[in-house]
Amino acid sequence: MLEGLNTTLVETFGPLGPLFAIGLLGVLLVLLTLPTLLKKRVDPMERIQREQATAREMTAGKKRELRHRDAAGEKLDKFKQFLEPQDEEEYSATKLKLLRAGYRGRNAVRTFHFVQFSLGLGLLVFGIILALIKSATGEVSATNMALTVIMPGVVGYYIPRYWVQKRVDKRAEEIVNGFPDALDMMLVCVEAGQSLDQAIVRVAHEIKAGYPALAEEFETVAAELKAGKERVNVLRDMAERAGVSDISSFVTVMIQSATFGTSIAEALRVYGAEMRDKRVMRAEEKANVLPTKLTLGTMLFTVPPLLLIMVGPSMYEMYMNLTQTGTGL
């Protein structure tokens, strides 16, 4: 029976048919075993605490983003031992990166790893199916078959990482571009008689339309200050969340100003002027690099047509003369 099955697989899918069958059987066994392994008995105390937290949220009726409970993440509670890094440093680094990307949910790390696992496994199954189709339609080398199976899974696993990194870079650029304007507005508010806490709230409200990422950071700072957290710790947390050197320098200036008792308005004025100069320098740097970037395009799209226009008629005339000379001979 086994020999007959082996012969059928080889005739249908080629020499690697038995290997594909074993791989598919292994995937099916893993999928069938996962629910049993991941099944977790609910702790009564944990269930009571979850119900109490849900009741408090329903009573409060507030749906602020900073305290929003992710329903999809709640469903993944029983898989957290598989979807969350067990190393504390790795977990903290992933959480910080997601914070810098703008994903502030309590279950952001769990959801991120779930998306990675789902895309990786799904595209891996897609690669197996594609490899089976290729082997059925024609003979395929072992290297090509392995790449067909593995590459989709690798791409699916790294797509979420790439997306998060792009979000981090985009938010950092937005914060850097909007920070000088925010400092100028904060200086106006402080000189008008408002405290630094009130100025932060005002600036967060005013710049929300143009720079939502920076406004979100200021809103977080204002909420933490209202909750009673120390200003120094709040500002340091803001610098860590933003991951921008300009924010870190600003936090250092504010802490030093509060420590030595100097004027906050004067510190904001000097630092705001420095940030404006840096923004102008970044714009000039991009303008100076632009001609170098345009050189390659100019060579590819301008020089060949120009040569064709200048040399083309002469080459055609030489060709015609050679043709007529050859005919005369």
C-alpha atoms as a PDB file:
ATOM      1  CA  MET A   1       0.000   0.000   0.000  1.00  0.00           C
ATOM      2  CA  LEU A   2       2.779   2.414   0.919  1.00  0.00           C
ATOM      3  CA  GLU A   3       4.650   1.563  -2.271  1.00  0.00           C
ATOM      4  CA  GLY A   4       1.522   2.239  -4.316  1.00  0.00           C
ATOM      5  CA  LEU A   5       0.962   5.570  -2.539  1.00  0.00           C
ATOM      6  CA  ASN A   6       4.597   6.497  -3.085  1.00  0.00           C
ATOM      7  CA  THR A   7       4.329   5.656  -6.772  1.00  0.00           C
ATOM      8  CA  THR A   8       1.167   7.746  -7.103  1.00  0.00           C
ATOM      9  CA  LEU A   9       2.802  10.752  -5.429  1.00  0.00           C
ATOM     10  CA  VAL A  10       5.884  10.497  -7.619  1.00  0.00           C
ATOM     11  CA  GLU A  11       3.806  10.231 -10.798  1.00  0.00           C
ATOM     12  CA  THR A  12       1.577  13.154  -9.761  1.00  0.00           C
ATOM     13  CA  PHE A  13       3.996  15.655  -8.166  1.00  0.00           C
ATOM     14  CA  GLY A  14       7.386  14.480  -9.349  1.00  0.00           C
ATOM     15  CA  PRO A  15      10.337  13.065  -7.357  1.00  0.00           C
ATOM     16  CA  LEU A  16       9.640  15.406  -4.420  1.00  0.00           C
ATOM     17  CA  GLY A  17       6.019  14.304  -4.136  1.00  0.00           C
ATOM     18  CA  PRO A  18       6.496  12.184  -0.979  1.00  0.00           C
ATOM     19  CA  LEU A  19       8.393  15.066   0.678  1.00  0.00           C
ATOM     20  CA  PHE A  20       5.557  17.472  -0.063  1.00  0.00           C
ATOM     21  CA  ALA A  21       3.027  15.002   1.310  1.00  0.00           C
ATOM     22  CA  ILE A  22       4.993  14.629   4.554  1.00  0.00           C
ATOM     23  CA  GLY A  23       5.365  18.407   4.883  1.00  0.00           C
ATOM     24  CA  LEU A  24       1.643  18.972   4.326  1.00  0.00           C
ATOM     25  CA  LEU A  25       0.803  16.255   6.837  1.00  0.00           C
ATOM     26  CA  GLY A  26       3.118  17.882   9.385  1.00  0.00           C
ATOM     27  CA  VAL A  27       1.444  21.285   8.925  1.00  0.00           C
ATOM     28  CA  LEU A  28      -1.991  19.709   9.356  1.00  0.00           C
ATOM     29  CA  LEU A  29      -0.878  17.939  12.536  1.00  0.00           C
ATOM     30  CA  VAL A  30       0.513  21.194  13.950  1.00  0.00           C
ATOM     31  CA  LEU A  31      -2.724  23.035  13.168  1.00  0.00           C
ATOM     32  CA  LEU A  32      -4.760  20.274  14.788  1.00  0.00           C
ATOM     33  CA  THR A  33      -2.546  20.214  17.889  1.00  0.00           C
ATOM     34  CA  LEU A  34      -2.365  23.980  18.477  1.00  0.00           C
ATOM     35  CA  PRO A  35      -5.913  24.376  19.925  1.00  0.00           C
ATOM     36  CA  THR A  36      -5.202  21.651  22.477  1.00  0.00           C
ATOM     37  CA  LEU A  37      -1.851  23.119  23.481  1.00  0.00           C
ATOM     38  CA  LEU A  38      -3.135  26.669  23.648  1.00  0.00           C
ATOM     39  CA  LYS A  39      -6.250  25.814  25.595  1.00  0.00           C
ATOM     40  CA  LYS A  40      -5.934  27.510  28.943  1.00  0.00           C
ATOM     41  CA  ARG A  41      -8.116  27.201  31.986  1.00  0.00           C
ATOM     42  CA  VAL A  42      -9.485  30.583  32.973  1.00  0.00           C
ATOM     43  CA  ASP A  43      -8.420  31.709  36.417  1.00  0.00           C
ATOM     44  CA  PRO A  44     -11.552  32.731  38.412  1.00  0.00           C
ATOM     45  CA  MET A  45      -9.748  35.688  39.964  1.00  0.00           C
ATOM     46  CA  GLU A  46      -8.570  36.879  36.570  1.00  0.00           C
ATOM     47  CA  ARG A  47     -12.098  36.555  35.189  1.00  0.00           C
ATOM     48  CA  ILE A  48     -13.524  38.579  38.103  1.00  0.00           C
ATOM     49  CA  GLN A  49     -10.905  41.283  37.644  1.00  0.00           C
ATOM     50  CA  ARG A  50     -11.648  41.459  33.924  1.00  0.00           C
ATOM     51  CA  GLU A  51     -15.378  41.780  34.598  1.00  0.00           C
ATOM     52  CA  GLN A  52     -14.782  44.522  37.163  1.00  0.00           C
ATOM     53  CA  ALA A  53     -12.563  46.431  34.740  1.00  0.00           C
ATOM     54  CA  THR A  54     -15.197  46.116  32.012  1.00  0.00           C
ATOM     55  CA  ALA A  55     -17.890  47.374  34.381  1.00  0.00           C
ATOM     56  CA  ARG A  56     -15.781  50.392  35.328  1.00  0.00           C
ATOM     57  CA  GLU A  57     -15.252  51.241  31.684  1.00  0.00           C
ATOM     58  CA  MET A  58     -18.961  50.953  30.904  1.00  0.00           C
ATOM     59  CA  THR A  59     -19.747  53.226  33.840  1.00  0.00           C
ATOM     60  CA  ALA A  60     -17.178  55.830  32.889  1.00  0.00           C
ATOM     61  CA  GLY A  61     -18.254  55.803  29.235  1.00  0.00           C
ATOM     62  CA  LYS A  62     -14.976  57.271  28.043  1.00  0.00           C
ATOM     63  CA  LYS A  63     -13.373  55.985  24.916  1.00  0.00           C
ATOM     64  CA  ARG A  64     -10.112  57.826  24.958  1.00  0.00           C
ATOM     65  CA  GLU A  65      -7.427  56.235  22.812  1.00  0.00           C
ATOM     66  CA  LEU A  66      -4.907  56.104  25.635  1.00  0.00           C
ATOM     67  CA  ARG A  67      -7.216  53.879  27.712  1.00  0.00           C
ATOM     68  CA  HIS A  68      -9.052  52.052  24.996  1.00  0.00           C
ATOM     69  CA  ARG A  69      -9.222  48.289  25.524  1.00  0.00           C
ATOM     70  CA  ASP A  70      -8.528  46.490  22.300  1.00  0.00           C
ATOM     71  CA  ALA A  71     -11.235  43.848  21.796  1.00  0.00           C
ATOM     72  CA  ALA A  72      -9.081  41.840  19.398  1.00  0.00           C
ATOM     73  CA  GLY A  73      -6.256  41.893  21.917  1.00  0.00           C
ATOM     74  CA  GLU A  74      -8.570  40.672  24.671  1.00  0.00           C
ATOM     75  CA  LYS A  75      -9.401  37.608  22.587  1.00  0.00           C
ATOM     76  CA  LEU A  76      -5.689  36.821  22.397  1.00  0.00           C
ATOM     77  CA  ASP A  77      -5.233  36.641  26.177  1.00  0.00           C
ATOM     78  CA  LYS A  78      -5.078  32.859  26.199  1.00  0.00           C
ATOM     79  CA  PHE A  79      -2.306  32.927  23.580  1.00  0.00           C
ATOM     80  CA  LYS A  80      -0.128  35.524  25.306  1.00  0.00           C
ATOM     81  CA  GLN A  81       2.536  33.009  26.333  1.00  0.00           C
ATOM     82  CA  PHE A  82       3.115  32.356  22.620  1.00  0.00           C
ATOM     83  CA  LEU A  83       2.512  35.884  21.273  1.00  0.00           C
ATOM     84  CA  GLU A  84       4.550  37.898  23.788  1.00  0.00           C
ATOM     85  CA  PRO A  85       8.342  37.741  24.255  1.00  0.00           C
ATOM     86  CA  GLN A  86       9.267  36.098  27.530  1.00  0.00           C
ATOM     87  CA  ASP A  87      12.434  38.168  27.796  1.00  0.00           C
ATOM     88  CA  GLU A  88      11.677  41.449  29.568  1.00  0.00           C
ATOM     89  CA  GLU A  89      14.215  43.445  27.564  1.00  0.00           C
ATOM     90  CA  GLU A  90      12.884  42.191  24.243  1.00  0.00           C
ATOM     91  CA  TYR A  91       9.316  42.915  25.332  1.00  0.00           C
ATOM     92  CA  SER A  92      10.237  46.463  26.420  1.00  0.00           C
ATOM     93  CA  ALA A  93      12.098  47.145  23.166  1.00  0.00           C
ATOM     94  CA  THR A  94       9.145  45.947  21.065  1.00  0.00           C
ATOM     95  CA  LYS A  95       6.689  47.966  23.119  1.00  0.00           C
ATOM     96  CA  LEU A  96       8.828  51.116  22.812  1.00  0.00           C
ATOM     97  CA  LYS A  97       9.105  50.695  19.054  1.00  0.00           C
ATOM     98  CA  LEU A  98       5.331  50.307  18.742  1.00  0.00           C
ATOM     99  CA  LEU A  99       4.856  53.407  20.903  1.00  0.00           C
ATOM    100  CA  ARG A 100       7.107  55.363  18.580  1.00  0.00           C
ATOM    101  CA  ALA A 101       5.067  54.066  15.640  1.00  0.00           C
ATOM    102  CA  GLY A 102       1.863  55.360  17.251  1.00  0.00           C
ATOM    103  CA  TYR A 103       0.410  52.045  18.456  1.00  0.00           C
ATOM    104  CA  ARG A 104      -0.315  52.754  22.114  1.00  0.00           C
ATOM    105  CA  GLY A 105      -2.842  50.030  22.880  1.00  0.00           C
ATOM    106  CA  ARG A 106      -2.350  47.802  25.896  1.00  0.00           C
ATOM    107  CA  ASN A 107      -2.277  44.740  23.633  1.00  0.00           C
ATOM    108  CA  ALA A 108      -0.114  46.276  20.897  1.00  0.00           C
ATOM    109  CA  VAL A 109       2.796  43.860  21.389  1.00  0.00           C
ATOM    110  CA  ARG A 110       0.504  40.845  21.417  1.00  0.00           C
ATOM    111  CA  THR A 111      -1.340  41.986  18.299  1.00  0.00           C
ATOM    112  CA  PHE A 112       1.929  42.717  16.502  1.00  0.00           C
ATOM    113  CA  HIS A 113       3.289  39.213  17.093  1.00  0.00           C
ATOM    114  CA  PHE A 114      -0.080  37.686  16.171  1.00  0.00           C
ATOM    115  CA  VAL A 115       0.000  39.519  12.822  1.00  0.00           C
ATOM    116  CA  GLN A 116       3.565  38.331  12.263  1.00  0.00           C
ATOM    117  CA  PHE A 117       2.638  34.727  13.037  1.00  0.00           C
ATOM    118  CA  SER A 118      -0.522  34.821  10.917  1.00  0.00           C
ATOM    119  CA  LEU A 119       1.111  36.349   7.853  1.00  0.00           C
ATOM    120  CA  GLY A 120       4.163  34.098   8.095  1.00  0.00           C
ATOM    121  CA  LEU A 121       2.148  30.892   8.440  1.00  0.00           C
ATOM    122  CA  GLY A 122      -0.439  31.932   5.856  1.00  0.00           C
ATOM    123  CA  LEU A 123       2.098  32.809   3.194  1.00  0.00           C
ATOM    124  CA  LEU A 124       4.077  29.667   4.037  1.00  0.00           C
ATOM    125  CA  VAL A 125       0.983  27.561   3.274  1.00  0.00           C
ATOM    126  CA  PHE A 126       0.527  29.603   0.098  1.00  0.00           C
ATOM    127  CA  GLY A 127       4.127  28.815  -0.867  1.00  0.00           C
ATOM    128  CA  ILE A 128       3.523  25.089  -0.299  1.00  0.00           C
ATOM    129  CA  ILE A 129       0.438  25.168  -2.500  1.00  0.00           C
ATOM    130  CA  LEU A 130       2.314  27.116  -5.187  1.00  0.00           C
ATOM    131  CA  ALA A 131       5.174  24.602  -5.055  1.00  0.00           C
ATOM    132  CA  LEU A 132       2.733  21.703  -5.463  1.00  0.00           C
ATOM    133  CA  ILE A 133       1.177  23.399  -8.483  1.00  0.00           C
ATOM    134  CA  LYS A 134       4.590  23.993 -10.046  1.00  0.00           C
ATOM    135  CA  SER A 135       5.681  20.402  -9.493  1.00  0.00           C
ATOM    136  CA  ALA A 136       2.436  19.138 -11.004  1.00  0.00           C
ATOM    137  CA  THR A 137       2.763  21.247 -14.148  1.00  0.00           C
ATOM    138  CA  GLY A 138       6.447  20.541 -14.757  1.00  0.00           C
ATOM    139  CA  GLU A 139       9.744  19.412 -13.321  1.00  0.00           C
ATOM    140  CA  VAL A 140      11.190  21.917 -10.853  1.00  0.00           C
ATOM    141  CA  SER A 141      14.617  21.879  -9.227  1.00  0.00           C
ATOM    142  CA  ALA A 142      14.965  21.364  -5.493  1.00  0.00           C
ATOM    143  CA  THR A 143      16.461  24.841  -4.969  1.00  0.00           C
ATOM    144  CA  ASN A 144      13.641  26.540  -6.819  1.00  0.00           C
ATOM    145  CA  MET A 145      11.120  24.471  -4.886  1.00  0.00           C
ATOM    146  CA  ALA A 146      12.656  25.390  -1.526  1.00  0.00           C
ATOM    147  CA  LEU A 147      12.693  29.092  -2.412  1.00  0.00           C
ATOM    148  CA  THR A 148       9.071  28.892  -3.561  1.00  0.00           C
ATOM    149  CA  VAL A 149       8.059  27.446  -0.188  1.00  0.00           C
ATOM    150  CA  ILE A 150      10.257  29.499   2.155  1.00  0.00           C
ATOM    151  CA  MET A 151      10.338  32.979   0.575  1.00  0.00           C
ATOM    152  CA  PRO A 152       6.601  33.805   0.978  1.00  0.00           C
ATOM    153  CA  GLY A 153       6.762  32.846   4.659  1.00  0.00           C
ATOM    154  CA  VAL A 154       9.842  35.017   5.230  1.00  0.00           C
ATOM    155  CA  VAL A 155       8.215  37.952   3.431  1.00  0.00           C
ATOM    156  CA  GLY A 156       5.022  37.557   5.457  1.00  0.00           C
ATOM    157  CA  TYR A 157       6.994  37.469   8.706  1.00  0.00           C
ATOM    158  CA  TYR A 158       8.973  40.644   7.975  1.00  0.00           C
ATOM    159  CA  ILE A 159       6.180  42.755   6.438  1.00  0.00           C
ATOM    160  CA  PRO A 160       4.866  43.898   9.878  1.00  0.00           C
ATOM    161  CA  ARG A 161       8.397  44.860  10.963  1.00  0.00           C
ATOM    162  CA  TYR A 162       8.875  46.906   7.797  1.00  0.00           C
ATOM    163  CA  TRP A 163       5.499  48.608   8.260  1.00  0.00           C
ATOM    164  CA  VAL A 164       6.241  49.542  11.883  1.00  0.00           C
ATOM    165  CA  GLN A 165       9.675  50.907  10.971  1.00  0.00           C
ATOM    166  CA  LYS A 166       8.153  53.050   8.207  1.00  0.00           C
ATOM    167  CA  ARG A 167       5.622  54.386  10.706  1.00  0.00           C
ATOM    168  CA  VAL A 168       8.406  55.206  13.176  1.00  0.00           C
ATOM    169  CA  ASP A 169      10.377  57.122  10.545  1.00  0.00           C
ATOM    170  CA  LYS A 170       7.304  59.006   9.334  1.00  0.00           C
ATOM    171  CA  ARG A 171       6.266  60.061  12.846  1.00  0.00           C
ATOM    172  CA  ALA A 172       9.818  61.116  13.707  1.00  0.00           C
ATOM    173  CA  GLU A 173       9.999  63.276  10.593  1.00  0.00           C
ATOM    174  CA  GLU A 174       6.630  64.848  11.398  1.00  0.00           C
ATOM    175  CA  ILE A 175       7.700  65.614  14.971  1.00  0.00           C
ATOM    176  CA  VAL A 176      10.981  67.169  13.822  1.00  0.00           C
ATOM    177  CA  ASN A 177       9.226  69.367  11.246  1.00  0.00           C
ATOM    178  CA  GLY A 178       6.548  70.608  13.623  1.00  0.00           C
ATOM    179  CA  PHE A 179       8.621  71.069  16.756  1.00  0.00           C
ATOM    180  CA  PRO A 180       9.927  74.621  15.979  1.00  0.00           C
ATOM    181  CA  ASP A 181       6.371  75.897  15.412  1.00  0.00           C
ATOM    182  CA  ALA A 182       5.239  74.215  18.631  1.00  0.00           C
ATOM    183  CA  LEU A 183       8.062  75.913  20.578  1.00  0.00           C
ATOM    184  CA  ASP A 184       7.139  79.324  19.157  1.00  0.00           C
ATOM    185  CA  MET A 185       3.505  78.837  20.135  1.00  0.00           C
ATOM    186  CA  MET A 186       4.535  77.617  23.589  1.00  0.00           C
ATOM    187  CA  LEU A 187       6.701  80.713  24.022  1.00  0.00           C
ATOM    188  CA  VAL A 188       3.770  82.966  23.132  1.00  0.00           C
ATOM    189  CA  CYS A 189       1.549  81.178  25.673  1.00  0.00           C
ATOM    190  CA  VAL A 190       4.159  81.400  28.446  1.00  0.00           C
ATOM    191  CA  GLU A 191       4.835  85.088  27.797  1.00  0.00           C
ATOM    192  CA  ALA A 192       1.086  85.711  27.833  1.00  0.00           C
ATOM    193  CA  GLY A 193       0.984  84.525  31.453  1.00  0.00           C
ATOM    194  CA  GLN A 194       0.053  80.868  31.149  1.00  0.00           C
ATOM    195  CA  SER A 195       1.897  78.161  33.027  1.00  0.00           C
ATOM    196  CA  LEU A 196       3.922  75.541  31.185  1.00  0.00           C
ATOM    197  CA  ASP A 197       1.212  72.929  31.765  1.00  0.00           C
ATOM    198  CA  GLN A 198      -1.477  75.187  30.293  1.00  0.00           C
ATOM    199  CA  ALA A 199       0.815  76.088  27.399  1.00  0.00           C
ATOM    200  CA  ILE A 200       1.319  72.398  26.572  1.00  0.00           C
ATOM    201  CA  VAL A 201      -2.455  71.824  26.515  1.00  0.00           C
ATOM    202  CA  ARG A 202      -2.978  74.854  24.281  1.00  0.00           C
ATOM    203  CA  VAL A 203      -0.203  73.881  21.878  1.00  0.00           C
ATOM    204  CA  ALA A 204      -1.530  70.314  21.624  1.00  0.00           C
ATOM    205  CA  HIS A 205      -4.950  71.682  20.645  1.00  0.00           C
ATOM    206  CA  GLU A 206      -3.637  74.185  18.100  1.00  0.00           C
ATOM    207  CA  ILE A 207      -1.160  71.985  16.194  1.00  0.00           C
ATOM    208  CA  LYS A 208      -3.372  68.893  16.020  1.00  0.00           C
ATOM    209  CA  ALA A 209      -4.511  69.649  12.463  1.00  0.00           C
ATOM    210  CA  GLY A 210      -1.006  70.153  11.051  1.00  0.00           C
ATOM    211  CA  TYR A 211       1.106  67.793  13.163  1.00  0.00           C
ATOM    212  CA  PRO A 212      -1.105  65.111  14.758  1.00  0.00           C
ATOM    213  CA  ALA A 213       1.818  62.985  15.962  1.00  0.00           C
ATOM    214  CA  LEU A 214       3.392  65.860  17.906  1.00  0.00           C
ATOM    215  CA  ALA A 215      -0.021  66.910  19.227  1.00  0.00           C
ATOM    216  CA  GLU A 216      -0.576  63.365  20.479  1.00  0.00           C
ATOM    217  CA  GLU A 217       2.703  63.489  22.401  1.00  0.00           C
ATOM    218  CA  PHE A 218       1.767  66.795  24.019  1.00  0.00           C
ATOM    219  CA  GLU A 219      -1.689  65.456  24.883  1.00  0.00           C
ATOM    220  CA  THR A 220      -0.058  62.481  26.591  1.00  0.00           C
ATOM    221  CA  VAL A 221       2.186  64.844  28.568  1.00  0.00           C
ATOM    222  CA  ALA A 222      -0.804  66.957  29.621  1.00  0.00           C
ATOM    223  CA  ALA A 223      -2.785  63.894  30.712  1.00  0.00           C
ATOM    224  CA  GLU A 224       0.121  62.548  32.783  1.00  0.00           C
ATOM    225  CA  LEU A 225       0.646  65.933  34.435  1.00  0.00           C
ATOM    226  CA  LYS A 226      -3.042  66.130  35.336  1.00  0.00           C
ATOM    227  CA  ALA A 227      -2.781  62.627  36.810  1.00  0.00           C
ATOM    228  CA  GLY A 228      -0.165  63.913  39.251  1.00  0.00           C
ATOM    229  CA  LYS A 229       3.016  62.537  37.730  1.00  0.00           C
ATOM    230  CA  GLU A 230       6.178  64.561  38.261  1.00  0.00           C
ATOM    231  CA  ARG A 231       7.009  66.912  35.411  1.00  0.00           C
ATOM    232  CA  VAL A 232      10.605  65.723  35.114  1.00  0.00           C
ATOM    233  CA  ASN A 233       9.542  62.098  34.674  1.00  0.00           C
ATOM    234  CA  VAL A 234       6.791  63.091  32.250  1.00  0.00           C
ATOM    235  CA  LEU A 235       9.192  65.033  30.044  1.00  0.00           C
ATOM    236  CA  ARG A 236      11.741  62.215  30.080  1.00  0.00           C
ATOM    237  CA  ASP A 237       9.049  59.727  29.092  1.00  0.00           C
ATOM    238  CA  MET A 238       8.071  62.004  26.232  1.00  0.00           C
ATOM    239  CA  ALA A 239      11.666  62.099  24.978  1.00  0.00           C
ATOM    240  CA  GLU A 240      11.885  58.310  25.148  1.00  0.00           C
ATOM    241  CA  ARG A 241       8.573  57.827  23.314  1.00  0.00           C
ATOM    242  CA  ALA A 242       9.408  60.300  20.555  1.00  0.00           C
ATOM    243  CA  GLY A 243      12.892  58.950  19.880  1.00  0.00           C
ATOM    244  CA  VAL A 244      13.995  62.314  18.412  1.00  0.00           C
ATOM    245  CA  SER A 245      17.165  64.112  19.440  1.00  0.00           C
ATOM    246  CA  ASP A 246      15.459  67.520  19.308  1.00  0.00           C
ATOM    247  CA  ILE A 247      12.885  66.406  21.874  1.00  0.00           C
ATOM    248  CA  SER A 248      15.604  64.972  24.110  1.00  0.00           C
ATOM    249  CA  SER A 249      17.527  68.260  23.996  1.00  0.00           C
ATOM    250  CA  PHE A 250      14.355  70.217  24.747  1.00  0.00           C
ATOM    251  CA  VAL A 251      13.629  68.015  27.758  1.00  0.00           C
ATOM    252  CA  THR A 252      17.177  68.561  29.028  1.00  0.00           C
ATOM    253  CA  VAL A 253      16.774  72.342  28.654  1.00  0.00           C
ATOM    254  CA  MET A 254      13.464  72.327  30.527  1.00  0.00           C
ATOM    255  CA  ILE A 255      14.861  70.196  33.371  1.00  0.00           C
ATOM    256  CA  GLN A 256      17.906  72.422  33.714  1.00  0.00           C
ATOM    257  CA  SER A 257      15.746  75.540  33.638  1.00  0.00           C
ATOM    258  CA  ALA A 258      13.546  74.169  36.429  1.00  0.00           C
ATOM    259  CA  THR A 259      16.572  72.992  38.438  1.00  0.00           C
ATOM    260  CA  PHE A 260      18.521  76.267  38.317  1.00  0.00           C
ATOM    261  CA  GLY A 261      15.476  78.558  38.461  1.00  0.00           C
ATOM    262  CA  THR A 262      16.082  80.336  35.152  1.00  0.00           C
ATOM    263  CA  SER A 263      13.331  81.801  32.995  1.00  0.00           C
ATOM    264  CA  ILE A 264      11.382  79.214  31.019  1.00  0.00           C
ATOM    265  CA  ALA A 265      10.403  81.849  28.458  1.00  0.00           C
ATOM    266  CA  GLU A 266      14.025  82.749  27.802  1.00  0.00           C
ATOM    267  CA  ALA A 267      14.955  79.069  27.454  1.00  0.00           C
ATOM    268  CA  LEU A 268      12.107  78.552  24.991  1.00  0.00           C
ATOM    269  CA  ARG A 269      13.129  81.630  23.007  1.00  0.00           C
ATOM    270  CA  VAL A 270      16.758  80.547  22.633  1.00  0.00           C
ATOM    271  CA  TYR A 271      15.966  76.908  21.933  1.00  0.00           C
ATOM    272  CA  GLY A 272      13.160  77.816  19.500  1.00  0.00           C
ATOM    273  CA  ALA A 273      15.554  80.004  17.490  1.00  0.00           C
ATOM    274  CA  GLU A 274      18.027  77.136  17.374  1.00  0.00           C
ATOM    275  CA  MET A 275      15.338  74.733  16.136  1.00  0.00           C
ATOM    276  CA  ARG A 276      14.332  77.157  13.378  1.00  0.00           C
ATOM    277  CA  ASP A 277      17.948  77.435  12.267  1.00  0.00           C
ATOM    278  CA  LYS A 278      18.235  73.638  12.187  1.00  0.00           C
ATOM    279  CA  ARG A 279      15.091  73.395  10.074  1.00  0.00           C
ATOM    280  CA  VAL A 280      16.495  75.918   7.593  1.00  0.00           C
ATOM    281  CA  MET A 281      19.767  73.990   7.481  1.00  0.00           C
ATOM    282  CA  ARG A 282      17.906  70.724   6.765  1.00  0.00           C
ATOM    283  CA  ALA A 283      16.036  72.426   3.912  1.00  0.00           C
ATOM    284  CA  GLU A 284      19.291  73.805   2.490  1.00  0.00           C
ATOM    285  CA  GLU A 285      20.903  70.379   2.754  1.00  0.00           C
ATOM    286  CA  LYS A 286      18.084  68.791   0.771  1.00  0.00           C
ATOM    287  CA  ALA A 287      18.325  71.586  -1.821  1.00  0.00           C
ATOM    288  CA  ASN A 288      22.084  71.059  -2.199  1.00  0.00           C
ATOM    289  CA  VAL A 289      21.693  67.311  -2.643  1.00  0.00           C
ATOM    290  CA  LEU A 290      19.005  67.711  -5.308  1.00  0.00           C
ATOM    291  CA  PRO A 291      21.359  68.497  -8.259  1.00  0.00           C
ATOM    292  CA  THR A 292      23.387  65.376  -7.515  1.00  0.00           C
ATOM    293  CA  LYS A 293      20.237  63.241  -7.537  1.00  0.00           C
ATOM    294  CA  LEU A 294      19.117  64.812 -10.812  1.00  0.00           C
ATOM    295  CA  THR A 295      22.429  64.071 -12.551  1.00  0.00           C
ATOM    296  CA  LEU A 296      21.613  60.408 -13.178  1.00  0.00           C
ATOM    297  CA  GLY A 297      18.167  61.226 -14.546  1.00  0.00           C
ATOM    298  CA  THR A 298      19.639  63.902 -16.765  1.00  0.00           C
ATOM    299  CA  MET A 299      22.208  61.489 -18.162  1.00  0.00           C
ATOM    300  CA  LEU A 300      19.623  58.790 -18.830  1.00  0.00           C
ATOM    301  CA  PHE A 301      16.824  60.889 -20.330  1.00  0.00           C
ATOM    302  CA  THR A 302      18.621  63.885 -21.887  1.00  0.00           C
ATOM    303  CA  VAL A 303      21.996  62.772 -23.255  1.00  0.00           C
ATOM    304  CA  PRO A 304      20.805  59.768 -25.388  1.00  0.00           C
ATOM    305  CA  PRO A 305      18.081  61.763 -27.223  1.00  0.00           C
ATOM    306  CA  LEU A 306      20.534  64.626 -27.780  1.00  0.00           C
ATOM    307  CA  LEU A 307      23.124  62.301 -29.264  1.00  0.00           C
ATOM    308  CA  LEU A 308      20.465  60.686 -31.438  1.00  0.00           C
ATOM    309  CA  ILE A 309      19.382  64.085 -32.773  1.00  0.00           C
ATOM    310  CA  MET A 310      22.944  65.293 -33.438  1.00  0.00           C
ATOM    311  CA  VAL A 311      24.591  62.126 -34.702  1.00  0.00           C
ATOM    312  CA  GLY A 312      21.566  60.354 -36.204  1.00  0.00           C
ATOM    313  CA  PRO A 313      21.383  62.250 -39.538  1.00  0.00           C
ATOM    314  CA  SER A 314      25.132  61.892 -40.154  1.00  0.00           C
ATOM    315  CA  MET A 315      25.022  58.158 -39.437  1.00  0.00           C
ATOM    316  CA  TYR A 316      22.040  57.747 -41.759  1.00  0.00           C
ATOM    317  CA  GLU A 317      23.786  59.670 -44.553  1.00  0.00           C
ATOM    318  CA  MET A 318      26.936  57.566 -44.149  1.00  0.00           C
ATOM    319  CA  TYR A 319      24.845  54.407 -44.292  1.00  0.00           C
ATOM    320  CA  MET A 320      23.093  55.533 -47.470  1.00  0.00           C
ATOM    321  CA  ASN A 321      26.406  56.436 -49.122  1.00  0.00           C
ATOM    322  CA  LEU A 322      27.855  53.022 -48.269  1.00  0.00           C
ATOM    323  CA  THR A 323      24.744  51.342 -49.623  1.00  0.00           C
ATOM    324  CA  GLN A 324      24.891  53.272 -52.926  1.00  0.00           C
ATOM    325  CA  THR A 325      28.611  52.568 -53.266  1.00  0.00           C
ATOM    326  CA  GLY A 326      28.032  48.876 -52.744  1.00  0.00           C
ATOM    327  CA  THR A 327      25.225  48.885 -55.359  1.00  0.00           C
ATOM    328  CA  GLY A 328      27.406  50.668 -57.903  1.00  0.00           C
ATOM    329  CA  LEU A 329      30.160  48.132 -57.512  1.00  0.00           C
END
